[in-house]
Structure formats: structure tokens, C-alpha cells
Amino acid sequence: MITSTTNTIEGREITEYRGIVTGEAILGTNIFRDIFAGIRDIVGGRSGAYEKALREAREIALSEMQDEARKLGANAVIGIDLDYENISTGSSGSMLMVSASGTAVVIR
């Protein structure tokens, strides 16, 4: 499946628009990751645990979106938009949400 953030795919013709498709992923980040990320925020540096969780959530959201497009008979998704949110759950930590949306199309 071809995926793109653009509204066209160079060298390919869109023959059908099948509709909007989405995928979402919500992952919990445990309290230890939050504590170490907070320390890194104070002293500087990157948070490998958050980067890994973010990468995993993005892959899940994109995969779900592609699965939905396949069910509609599409062979590509164009105009993909990714949104990221950090949802606080109080003293127990936070949740990381990634959503992907795009237009399922048939190209040749």
C-alpha cells in the first residue's frame, strides 16, 4: 500500500476515492518513564522511552489506517495527517495518543 502526506502520487493516476480512513493508538506510559523523563527535562537530553513509545504508537495508528483502506478496496492512502496528544491521567501517569487520517484511493 502506498501512503503519502501529499494529495497526489507522482506518476500515478487516482481512479477512485474510497473515503476517509483513520487509525488510532493510545499507549500508557508508566510512572517510572514519567519520572525519568521529568529528570531529563530538568537536566537536558532526550527521553528514549518516550521516543520508543511514540514510534510504536505512530506505527500502530498508520497500520490500522492502512487496514481500513484495504477493507474499502483501496491500494493507497493520500493526504495523511498525524496528530499527537499527551493525555494526563492524574498522579498515575499519562497516556500517549497518536491518530492518523487520510483519504483511501485506488491508483493505477
N, C-alpha and C. Protein backbone atom coordinates (compact mmCIF):
# COMPACT_ATOMS: atom_id res chain seq x y z
N MET A 1 0.85 -1.18 0.00
CA MET A 1 0.00 0.00 0.00
C MET A 1 0.89 1.24 0.00
N ILE A 2 0.62 2.13 -0.93
CA ILE A 2 1.36 3.39 -0.99
C ILE A 2 0.67 4.39 -0.05
N THR A 3 1.47 5.06 0.76
CA THR A 3 0.93 6.09 1.65
C THR A 3 1.71 7.37 1.44
N SER A 4 0.99 8.50 1.55
CA SER A 4 1.64 9.78 1.30
C SER A 4 0.92 10.90 2.04
N THR A 5 1.69 11.89 2.46
CA THR A 5 1.09 13.07 3.06
C THR A 5 0.61 14.05 1.99
N THR A 6 1.00 13.82 0.75
CA THR A 6 0.57 14.69 -0.35
C THR A 6 -0.79 14.26 -0.87
N ASN A 7 -1.41 15.11 -1.69
CA ASN A 7 -2.74 14.80 -2.23
C ASN A 7 -2.68 14.09 -3.58
N THR A 8 -1.49 13.86 -4.08
CA THR A 8 -1.31 13.12 -5.33
C THR A 8 -0.10 12.22 -5.16
N ILE A 9 0.02 11.26 -6.07
CA ILE A 9 1.20 10.41 -6.10
C ILE A 9 1.79 10.55 -7.49
N GLU A 10 2.97 11.12 -7.54
CA GLU A 10 3.61 11.42 -8.82
C GLU A 10 3.69 10.19 -9.70
N GLY A 11 3.28 10.36 -10.96
CA GLY A 11 3.34 9.29 -11.93
C GLY A 11 2.20 8.29 -11.84
N ARG A 12 1.27 8.49 -10.91
CA ARG A 12 0.13 7.58 -10.75
C ARG A 12 -1.16 8.37 -10.88
N GLU A 13 -2.17 7.74 -11.44
CA GLU A 13 -3.48 8.37 -11.61
C GLU A 13 -4.44 7.83 -10.56
N ILE A 14 -5.14 8.74 -9.88
CA ILE A 14 -6.18 8.34 -8.93
C ILE A 14 -7.44 8.07 -9.74
N THR A 15 -7.94 6.83 -9.64
CA THR A 15 -9.12 6.46 -10.41
C THR A 15 -10.39 6.44 -9.56
N GLU A 16 -10.24 6.26 -8.24
CA GLU A 16 -11.40 6.24 -7.34
C GLU A 16 -11.01 6.75 -5.97
N TYR A 17 -11.94 7.48 -5.38
CA TYR A 17 -11.80 7.89 -3.99
C TYR A 17 -12.73 7.00 -3.18
N ARG A 18 -12.19 6.31 -2.18
CA ARG A 18 -12.98 5.36 -1.40
C ARG A 18 -13.45 5.92 -0.06
N GLY A 19 -12.89 7.02 0.38
CA GLY A 19 -13.35 7.64 1.62
C GLY A 19 -12.24 7.90 2.62
N ILE A 20 -12.61 8.54 3.69
CA ILE A 20 -11.67 8.89 4.76
C ILE A 20 -11.42 7.65 5.61
N VAL A 21 -10.17 7.44 5.94
CA VAL A 21 -9.79 6.32 6.81
C VAL A 21 -8.97 6.86 7.98
N THR A 22 -9.08 6.17 9.10
CA THR A 22 -8.38 6.62 10.31
C THR A 22 -7.78 5.43 11.05
N GLY A 23 -6.85 5.73 11.89
CA GLY A 23 -6.27 4.76 12.80
C GLY A 23 -5.84 5.47 14.06
N GLU A 24 -6.02 4.83 15.19
CA GLU A 24 -5.65 5.45 16.46
C GLU A 24 -4.87 4.46 17.32
N ALA A 25 -4.03 5.01 18.15
CA ALA A 25 -3.30 4.20 19.12
C ALA A 25 -3.16 5.02 20.39
N ILE A 26 -3.48 4.39 21.50
CA ILE A 26 -3.30 5.03 22.81
C ILE A 26 -2.46 4.08 23.65
N LEU A 27 -1.31 4.57 24.08
CA LEU A 27 -0.40 3.76 24.87
C LEU A 27 -0.17 4.42 26.22
N GLY A 28 -0.16 3.62 27.25
CA GLY A 28 0.13 4.13 28.58
C GLY A 28 1.62 4.24 28.77
N THR A 29 2.04 5.27 29.45
CA THR A 29 3.44 5.41 29.84
C THR A 29 3.47 5.24 31.34
N ASN A 30 4.31 4.36 31.80
CA ASN A 30 4.28 4.08 33.24
C ASN A 30 4.96 5.18 34.05
N ILE A 31 4.75 5.15 35.33
CA ILE A 31 5.23 6.20 36.23
C ILE A 31 6.76 6.33 36.24
N PHE A 32 7.47 5.19 36.07
CA PHE A 32 8.93 5.26 36.04
C PHE A 32 9.44 6.00 34.82
N ARG A 33 8.81 5.77 33.67
CA ARG A 33 9.18 6.52 32.47
C ARG A 33 8.94 8.01 32.70
N ASP A 34 7.79 8.33 33.31
CA ASP A 34 7.45 9.73 33.56
C ASP A 34 8.49 10.39 34.48
N ILE A 35 8.90 9.68 35.52
CA ILE A 35 9.89 10.22 36.46
C ILE A 35 11.21 10.49 35.74
N PHE A 36 11.70 9.48 34.98
CA PHE A 36 12.98 9.65 34.28
C PHE A 36 12.89 10.70 33.18
N ALA A 37 11.74 10.79 32.53
CA ALA A 37 11.56 11.83 31.51
C ALA A 37 11.59 13.21 32.17
N GLY A 38 10.98 13.32 33.36
CA GLY A 38 10.99 14.59 34.09
C GLY A 38 12.41 15.00 34.47
N ILE A 39 13.21 14.03 34.90
CA ILE A 39 14.61 14.31 35.24
C ILE A 39 15.36 14.78 34.00
N ARG A 40 15.14 14.11 32.90
CA ARG A 40 15.81 14.51 31.64
C ARG A 40 15.39 15.90 31.22
N ASP A 41 14.10 16.26 31.45
CA ASP A 41 13.64 17.60 31.11
C ASP A 41 14.41 18.65 31.91
N ILE A 42 14.72 18.33 33.16
CA ILE A 42 15.43 19.28 34.02
C ILE A 42 16.90 19.38 33.62
N VAL A 43 17.56 18.24 33.40
CA VAL A 43 18.99 18.25 33.13
C VAL A 43 19.31 18.26 31.64
N GLY A 44 18.31 18.09 30.80
CA GLY A 44 18.52 18.10 29.35
C GLY A 44 18.67 16.69 28.82
N GLY A 45 18.57 16.55 27.52
CA GLY A 45 18.72 15.25 26.88
C GLY A 45 17.41 14.74 26.33
N ARG A 46 17.51 13.63 25.67
CA ARG A 46 16.35 13.02 25.03
C ARG A 46 15.79 11.90 25.90
N SER A 47 14.50 11.68 25.76
CA SER A 47 13.85 10.61 26.51
C SER A 47 13.63 9.42 25.57
N GLY A 48 14.51 8.46 25.64
CA GLY A 48 14.44 7.29 24.79
C GLY A 48 13.16 6.50 24.98
N ALA A 49 12.67 6.41 26.22
CA ALA A 49 11.45 5.67 26.50
C ALA A 49 10.26 6.31 25.80
N TYR A 50 10.15 7.63 25.87
CA TYR A 50 9.05 8.31 25.20
C TYR A 50 9.19 8.22 23.69
N GLU A 51 10.40 8.35 23.18
CA GLU A 51 10.61 8.25 21.73
C GLU A 51 10.19 6.87 21.22
N LYS A 52 10.52 5.83 21.97
CA LYS A 52 10.14 4.47 21.58
C LYS A 52 8.62 4.31 21.61
N ALA A 53 7.98 4.81 22.66
CA ALA A 53 6.52 4.72 22.77
C ALA A 53 5.84 5.50 21.65
N LEU A 54 6.37 6.67 21.33
CA LEU A 54 5.80 7.49 20.27
C LEU A 54 5.92 6.80 18.92
N ARG A 55 7.07 6.22 18.65
CA ARG A 55 7.31 5.49 17.39
C ARG A 55 6.34 4.30 17.28
N GLU A 56 6.18 3.56 18.38
CA GLU A 56 5.29 2.41 18.39
C GLU A 56 3.84 2.83 18.15
N ALA A 57 3.40 3.89 18.81
CA ALA A 57 2.03 4.37 18.64
C ALA A 57 1.79 4.84 17.21
N ARG A 58 2.75 5.53 16.62
CA ARG A 58 2.62 6.00 15.24
C ARG A 58 2.49 4.82 14.28
N GLU A 59 3.31 3.79 14.46
CA GLU A 59 3.25 2.60 13.60
C GLU A 59 1.90 1.89 13.71
N ILE A 60 1.37 1.79 14.92
CA ILE A 60 0.06 1.16 15.12
C ILE A 60 -1.04 1.97 14.43
N ALA A 61 -1.03 3.28 14.62
CA ALA A 61 -2.07 4.13 14.01
C ALA A 61 -2.02 4.05 12.48
N LEU A 62 -0.83 4.10 11.90
CA LEU A 62 -0.70 4.01 10.45
C LEU A 62 -1.14 2.64 9.94
N SER A 63 -0.79 1.58 10.66
CA SER A 63 -1.17 0.24 10.26
C SER A 63 -2.69 0.07 10.29
N GLU A 64 -3.34 0.57 11.33
CA GLU A 64 -4.80 0.48 11.42
C GLU A 64 -5.46 1.26 10.29
N MET A 65 -4.91 2.43 9.95
CA MET A 65 -5.46 3.24 8.87
C MET A 65 -5.34 2.49 7.54
N GLN A 66 -4.19 1.86 7.30
CA GLN A 66 -3.98 1.10 6.06
C GLN A 66 -4.93 -0.11 6.00
N ASP A 67 -5.14 -0.77 7.13
CA ASP A 67 -6.07 -1.90 7.17
C ASP A 67 -7.48 -1.46 6.79
N GLU A 68 -7.89 -0.31 7.30
CA GLU A 68 -9.22 0.22 6.98
C GLU A 68 -9.31 0.53 5.49
N ALA A 69 -8.24 1.08 4.92
CA ALA A 69 -8.22 1.40 3.49
C ALA A 69 -8.33 0.12 2.65
N ARG A 70 -7.63 -0.93 3.05
CA ARG A 70 -7.71 -2.22 2.33
C ARG A 70 -9.14 -2.76 2.33
N LYS A 71 -9.81 -2.63 3.46
CA LYS A 71 -11.19 -3.10 3.56
C LYS A 71 -12.12 -2.37 2.60
N LEU A 72 -11.76 -1.13 2.25
CA LEU A 72 -12.55 -0.35 1.30
C LEU A 72 -12.13 -0.62 -0.14
N GLY A 73 -11.13 -1.47 -0.34
CA GLY A 73 -10.67 -1.79 -1.69
C GLY A 73 -9.66 -0.82 -2.24
N ALA A 74 -9.06 -0.01 -1.39
CA ALA A 74 -8.06 0.97 -1.83
C ALA A 74 -6.68 0.33 -1.90
N ASN A 75 -5.82 0.93 -2.72
CA ASN A 75 -4.43 0.48 -2.76
C ASN A 75 -3.46 1.61 -2.42
N ALA A 76 -4.00 2.74 -1.93
CA ALA A 76 -3.16 3.85 -1.49
C ALA A 76 -3.96 4.73 -0.53
N VAL A 77 -3.23 5.48 0.28
CA VAL A 77 -3.85 6.48 1.16
C VAL A 77 -3.08 7.78 0.95
N ILE A 78 -3.80 8.84 0.63
CA ILE A 78 -3.16 10.13 0.39
C ILE A 78 -3.63 11.15 1.43
N GLY A 79 -2.92 12.28 1.48
CA GLY A 79 -3.30 13.36 2.40
C GLY A 79 -3.23 12.96 3.86
N ILE A 80 -2.27 12.12 4.21
CA ILE A 80 -2.18 11.61 5.58
C ILE A 80 -1.79 12.73 6.54
N ASP A 81 -2.51 12.77 7.66
CA ASP A 81 -2.22 13.72 8.74
C ASP A 81 -2.03 12.93 10.02
N LEU A 82 -0.98 13.24 10.75
CA LEU A 82 -0.71 12.59 12.04
C LEU A 82 -0.89 13.61 13.15
N ASP A 83 -1.61 13.21 14.18
CA ASP A 83 -1.81 14.08 15.35
C ASP A 83 -1.32 13.34 16.59
N TYR A 84 -0.67 14.09 17.48
CA TYR A 84 -0.11 13.53 18.70
C TYR A 84 -0.69 14.28 19.90
N GLU A 85 -1.08 13.53 20.92
CA GLU A 85 -1.60 14.13 22.15
C GLU A 85 -1.05 13.39 23.36
N ASN A 86 -0.77 14.12 24.40
CA ASN A 86 -0.40 13.54 25.69
C ASN A 86 -1.58 13.77 26.63
N ILE A 87 -2.17 12.69 27.10
CA ILE A 87 -3.35 12.78 27.94
C ILE A 87 -2.94 12.46 29.37
N SER A 88 -3.07 13.43 30.25
CA SER A 88 -2.71 13.23 31.65
C SER A 88 -3.81 12.43 32.35
N THR A 89 -3.38 11.43 33.13
CA THR A 89 -4.34 10.61 33.89
C THR A 89 -4.18 10.85 35.38
N GLY A 90 -3.69 12.00 35.75
CA GLY A 90 -3.52 12.32 37.16
C GLY A 90 -2.19 11.83 37.70
N SER A 91 -2.18 11.44 38.95
CA SER A 91 -0.93 11.05 39.61
C SER A 91 -0.37 9.73 39.08
N SER A 92 -1.19 8.95 38.35
CA SER A 92 -0.72 7.63 37.89
C SER A 92 0.06 7.70 36.58
N GLY A 93 0.19 8.87 35.98
CA GLY A 93 0.99 8.97 34.76
C GLY A 93 0.22 9.63 33.64
N SER A 94 0.48 9.14 32.43
CA SER A 94 -0.16 9.74 31.27
C SER A 94 -0.33 8.70 30.18
N MET A 95 -1.13 9.06 29.20
CA MET A 95 -1.36 8.22 28.04
C MET A 95 -0.89 9.00 26.82
N LEU A 96 -0.37 8.29 25.86
CA LEU A 96 0.10 8.90 24.62
C LEU A 96 -0.84 8.48 23.52
N MET A 97 -1.44 9.45 22.82
CA MET A 97 -2.37 9.13 21.75
C MET A 97 -1.83 9.64 20.42
N VAL A 98 -1.87 8.77 19.42
CA VAL A 98 -1.50 9.14 18.06
C VAL A 98 -2.67 8.76 17.17
N SER A 99 -3.09 9.69 16.33
CA SER A 99 -4.14 9.38 15.37
C SER A 99 -3.64 9.71 13.97
N ALA A 100 -4.02 8.86 13.02
CA ALA A 100 -3.65 9.04 11.63
C ALA A 100 -4.94 9.07 10.81
N SER A 101 -5.02 9.99 9.86
CA SER A 101 -6.18 10.03 8.97
C SER A 101 -5.72 10.37 7.57
N GLY A 102 -6.49 9.93 6.60
CA GLY A 102 -6.15 10.18 5.21
C GLY A 102 -7.31 9.79 4.33
N THR A 103 -7.11 9.87 3.02
CA THR A 103 -8.12 9.50 2.05
C THR A 103 -7.70 8.23 1.33
N ALA A 104 -8.55 7.22 1.41
CA ALA A 104 -8.29 5.96 0.73
C ALA A 104 -8.63 6.13 -0.75
N VAL A 105 -7.71 5.73 -1.62
CA VAL A 105 -7.91 5.87 -3.06
C VAL A 105 -7.45 4.61 -3.80
N VAL A 106 -7.92 4.51 -5.02
CA VAL A 106 -7.42 3.48 -5.93
C VAL A 106 -6.59 4.21 -6.97
N ILE A 107 -5.35 3.75 -7.14
CA ILE A 107 -4.46 4.37 -8.14
C ILE A 107 -4.04 3.33 -9.16
N ARG A 108 -3.65 3.82 -10.32
CA ARG A 108 -3.06 2.92 -11.33
C ARG A 108 -1.84 3.57 -11.94
